[in-house]
Amino acid sequence: MPISGVAPGTIVTPITESMLGVTEMRKVVDASVPMPLHGHARPEQVAPLPAWLTSQENTHVTGQVVFIDGGTAAALRGDGAW
């Protein structure tokens, strides 16, 4: 079975919603985990990736860390990807 990891950015859950609903806290989250591509993700936007990675359809992807972070890693690297 292929084994890979998923590295999500901020996922909007009941816990993060309470932080994102407060202007000052949202600024802190946005500065710490910038997600320039469509903002913070909902669980249903992320769930298909691990489902596919562990499915029989995945015949060749293994040993990878797949970032599904809306551009966080690229933005924090500062290498001009954004």
N, C-alpha and C. Protein backbone atom coordinates (compact mmCIF):
# COMPACT_ATOMS: atom_id res chain seq x y z
N MET A 1 0.83 -1.18 0.00
CA MET A 1 0.00 0.00 0.00
C MET A 1 0.88 1.24 0.00
N PRO A 2 0.56 2.24 -0.86
CA PRO A 2 1.34 3.48 -0.86
C PRO A 2 1.14 4.26 0.44
N ILE A 3 2.21 4.84 0.92
CA ILE A 3 2.16 5.62 2.15
C ILE A 3 2.66 7.03 1.84
N SER A 4 1.84 8.03 2.08
CA SER A 4 2.23 9.43 1.92
C SER A 4 1.62 10.22 3.07
N GLY A 5 2.04 11.45 3.19
CA GLY A 5 1.49 12.33 4.22
C GLY A 5 0.77 13.50 3.59
N VAL A 6 -0.17 14.06 4.31
CA VAL A 6 -0.91 15.23 3.87
C VAL A 6 -0.61 16.36 4.85
N ALA A 7 -0.22 17.51 4.32
CA ALA A 7 0.10 18.66 5.16
C ALA A 7 -0.89 19.78 4.87
N PRO A 8 -1.97 19.85 5.65
CA PRO A 8 -2.98 20.88 5.40
C PRO A 8 -2.60 22.21 6.03
N GLY A 9 -3.20 23.25 5.50
CA GLY A 9 -3.12 24.56 6.15
C GLY A 9 -4.21 24.63 7.20
N THR A 10 -4.78 25.81 7.38
CA THR A 10 -5.87 25.96 8.35
C THR A 10 -7.14 25.33 7.79
N ILE A 11 -7.75 24.47 8.58
CA ILE A 11 -9.00 23.84 8.22
C ILE A 11 -10.10 24.46 9.09
N VAL A 12 -11.16 24.91 8.45
CA VAL A 12 -12.26 25.55 9.18
C VAL A 12 -13.08 24.47 9.88
N THR A 13 -12.94 24.42 11.17
CA THR A 13 -13.67 23.49 12.04
C THR A 13 -14.31 24.32 13.15
N PRO A 14 -15.13 23.72 14.00
CA PRO A 14 -15.69 24.51 15.10
C PRO A 14 -14.61 25.20 15.95
N ILE A 15 -13.48 24.58 16.13
CA ILE A 15 -12.41 25.20 16.94
C ILE A 15 -11.82 26.40 16.21
N THR A 16 -11.47 26.24 14.93
CA THR A 16 -10.85 27.35 14.22
C THR A 16 -11.86 28.44 13.87
N GLU A 17 -13.13 28.08 13.69
CA GLU A 17 -14.15 29.09 13.40
C GLU A 17 -14.23 30.13 14.51
N SER A 18 -14.10 29.68 15.75
CA SER A 18 -14.17 30.63 16.86
C SER A 18 -12.99 31.61 16.81
N MET A 19 -11.81 31.14 16.39
CA MET A 19 -10.66 32.04 16.25
C MET A 19 -10.82 32.95 15.05
N LEU A 20 -11.25 32.39 13.93
CA LEU A 20 -11.36 33.16 12.70
C LEU A 20 -12.47 34.20 12.77
N GLY A 21 -13.40 34.02 13.70
CA GLY A 21 -14.50 34.96 13.86
C GLY A 21 -14.14 36.21 14.64
N VAL A 22 -12.96 36.22 15.25
CA VAL A 22 -12.50 37.39 16.02
C VAL A 22 -11.43 38.08 15.18
N THR A 23 -11.66 39.34 14.84
CA THR A 23 -10.79 40.06 13.91
C THR A 23 -9.31 39.96 14.28
N GLU A 24 -8.98 40.22 15.52
CA GLU A 24 -7.57 40.20 15.93
C GLU A 24 -6.97 38.79 15.83
N MET A 25 -7.75 37.79 16.22
CA MET A 25 -7.26 36.41 16.12
C MET A 25 -7.11 36.00 14.66
N ARG A 26 -8.04 36.42 13.81
CA ARG A 26 -7.95 36.09 12.39
C ARG A 26 -6.66 36.68 11.80
N LYS A 27 -6.32 37.89 12.20
CA LYS A 27 -5.07 38.50 11.73
C LYS A 27 -3.87 37.66 12.13
N VAL A 28 -3.88 37.13 13.35
CA VAL A 28 -2.78 36.29 13.83
C VAL A 28 -2.72 34.99 13.01
N VAL A 29 -3.86 34.36 12.81
CA VAL A 29 -3.91 33.11 12.03
C VAL A 29 -3.46 33.38 10.60
N ASP A 30 -3.98 34.44 9.98
CA ASP A 30 -3.62 34.75 8.60
C ASP A 30 -2.13 35.06 8.45
N ALA A 31 -1.54 35.69 9.45
CA ALA A 31 -0.10 35.99 9.40
C ALA A 31 0.73 34.73 9.60
N SER A 32 0.25 33.83 10.46
CA SER A 32 0.99 32.60 10.76
C SER A 32 0.83 31.56 9.67
N VAL A 33 -0.37 31.47 9.11
CA VAL A 33 -0.69 30.46 8.11
C VAL A 33 -1.36 31.15 6.92
N PRO A 34 -0.57 31.94 6.16
CA PRO A 34 -1.18 32.61 5.02
C PRO A 34 -1.65 31.59 3.98
N MET A 35 -2.86 31.74 3.51
CA MET A 35 -3.40 30.82 2.50
C MET A 35 -3.93 31.65 1.33
N PRO A 36 -3.02 32.15 0.48
CA PRO A 36 -3.42 33.07 -0.58
C PRO A 36 -4.33 32.45 -1.66
N LEU A 37 -4.34 31.14 -1.78
CA LEU A 37 -5.18 30.50 -2.79
C LEU A 37 -6.51 30.08 -2.16
N HIS A 38 -7.50 30.93 -2.25
CA HIS A 38 -8.87 30.68 -1.79
C HIS A 38 -9.04 30.62 -0.27
N GLY A 39 -8.08 31.07 0.51
CA GLY A 39 -8.25 31.16 1.96
C GLY A 39 -8.28 29.82 2.68
N HIS A 40 -8.79 29.85 3.88
CA HIS A 40 -8.82 28.68 4.74
C HIS A 40 -9.75 27.62 4.15
N ALA A 41 -9.39 26.36 4.32
CA ALA A 41 -10.12 25.26 3.68
C ALA A 41 -11.18 24.66 4.60
N ARG A 42 -12.18 24.11 3.96
CA ARG A 42 -13.19 23.33 4.69
C ARG A 42 -12.78 21.86 4.64
N PRO A 43 -13.19 21.06 5.59
CA PRO A 43 -12.80 19.65 5.61
C PRO A 43 -13.11 18.92 4.30
N GLU A 44 -14.25 19.23 3.70
CA GLU A 44 -14.63 18.53 2.48
C GLU A 44 -13.74 18.88 1.29
N GLN A 45 -12.97 19.96 1.41
CA GLN A 45 -12.01 20.30 0.36
C GLN A 45 -10.72 19.50 0.51
N VAL A 46 -10.43 19.06 1.71
CA VAL A 46 -9.18 18.33 1.98
C VAL A 46 -9.39 16.82 1.97
N ALA A 47 -10.53 16.36 2.42
CA ALA A 47 -10.79 14.92 2.57
C ALA A 47 -10.56 14.09 1.31
N PRO A 48 -10.86 14.59 0.11
CA PRO A 48 -10.62 13.75 -1.07
C PRO A 48 -9.15 13.37 -1.29
N LEU A 49 -8.24 14.20 -0.83
CA LEU A 49 -6.82 13.90 -1.06
C LEU A 49 -6.37 12.65 -0.31
N PRO A 50 -6.52 12.57 1.02
CA PRO A 50 -6.10 11.33 1.68
C PRO A 50 -6.93 10.13 1.22
N ALA A 51 -8.19 10.37 0.88
CA ALA A 51 -9.01 9.26 0.37
C ALA A 51 -8.42 8.71 -0.92
N TRP A 52 -8.02 9.61 -1.82
CA TRP A 52 -7.42 9.15 -3.08
C TRP A 52 -6.05 8.53 -2.85
N LEU A 53 -5.24 9.15 -1.99
CA LEU A 53 -3.89 8.62 -1.74
C LEU A 53 -3.92 7.19 -1.21
N THR A 54 -4.96 6.84 -0.49
CA THR A 54 -5.06 5.49 0.07
C THR A 54 -5.96 4.57 -0.74
N SER A 55 -6.42 5.06 -1.89
CA SER A 55 -7.33 4.26 -2.70
C SER A 55 -6.57 3.36 -3.69
N GLN A 56 -7.28 2.43 -4.29
CA GLN A 56 -6.69 1.57 -5.31
C GLN A 56 -6.40 2.35 -6.59
N GLU A 57 -7.03 3.50 -6.76
CA GLU A 57 -6.75 4.34 -7.93
C GLU A 57 -5.32 4.88 -7.90
N ASN A 58 -4.78 5.07 -6.71
CA ASN A 58 -3.41 5.57 -6.58
C ASN A 58 -2.45 4.41 -6.79
N THR A 59 -1.85 4.38 -7.93
CA THR A 59 -0.93 3.28 -8.24
C THR A 59 0.54 3.69 -8.19
N HIS A 60 0.84 4.98 -8.07
CA HIS A 60 2.24 5.39 -8.15
C HIS A 60 2.70 6.46 -7.16
N VAL A 61 1.81 7.13 -6.48
CA VAL A 61 2.22 8.18 -5.54
C VAL A 61 2.47 7.55 -4.18
N THR A 62 3.71 7.63 -3.72
CA THR A 62 4.06 7.10 -2.41
C THR A 62 5.28 7.83 -1.87
N GLY A 63 5.42 7.84 -0.57
CA GLY A 63 6.58 8.46 0.06
C GLY A 63 6.63 9.97 -0.08
N GLN A 64 5.48 10.60 -0.25
CA GLN A 64 5.42 12.04 -0.46
C GLN A 64 4.70 12.73 0.68
N VAL A 65 5.03 13.98 0.88
CA VAL A 65 4.23 14.86 1.72
C VAL A 65 3.53 15.80 0.75
N VAL A 66 2.23 15.73 0.70
CA VAL A 66 1.45 16.55 -0.23
C VAL A 66 0.87 17.73 0.55
N PHE A 67 1.28 18.92 0.17
CA PHE A 67 0.78 20.13 0.82
C PHE A 67 -0.55 20.51 0.19
N ILE A 68 -1.58 20.60 1.02
CA ILE A 68 -2.89 21.08 0.57
C ILE A 68 -3.22 22.26 1.49
N ASP A 69 -2.42 23.30 1.28
CA ASP A 69 -2.38 24.41 2.23
C ASP A 69 -2.71 25.76 1.62
N GLY A 70 -3.29 25.78 0.45
CA GLY A 70 -3.67 27.04 -0.16
C GLY A 70 -2.52 27.98 -0.43
N GLY A 71 -1.32 27.44 -0.54
CA GLY A 71 -0.15 28.25 -0.84
C GLY A 71 0.67 28.66 0.37
N THR A 72 0.34 28.15 1.55
CA THR A 72 1.07 28.54 2.77
C THR A 72 2.57 28.27 2.64
N ALA A 73 2.94 27.06 2.29
CA ALA A 73 4.37 26.71 2.22
C ALA A 73 5.09 27.60 1.23
N ALA A 74 4.48 27.83 0.07
CA ALA A 74 5.11 28.68 -0.94
C ALA A 74 5.23 30.12 -0.45
N ALA A 75 4.18 30.63 0.20
CA ALA A 75 4.21 32.00 0.69
C ALA A 75 5.25 32.18 1.79
N LEU A 76 5.35 31.22 2.69
CA LEU A 76 6.32 31.31 3.78
C LEU A 76 7.75 31.12 3.31
N ARG A 77 7.94 30.34 2.24
CA ARG A 77 9.29 30.17 1.68
C ARG A 77 9.80 31.48 1.12
N GLY A 78 8.87 32.26 0.58
CA GLY A 78 9.27 33.56 0.03
C GLY A 78 10.12 33.45 -1.22
N ASP A 79 9.94 32.38 -1.98
CA ASP A 79 10.77 32.19 -3.16
C ASP A 79 10.13 32.71 -4.45
N GLY A 80 9.11 33.54 -4.29
CA GLY A 80 8.48 34.13 -5.45
C GLY A 80 7.39 33.27 -6.06
N ALA A 81 7.07 32.12 -5.43
CA ALA A 81 6.02 31.26 -5.96
C ALA A 81 4.67 31.97 -5.90
N TRP A 82 4.55 32.96 -5.01
CA TRP A 82 3.34 33.76 -4.93
C TRP A 82 3.71 35.14 -5.28
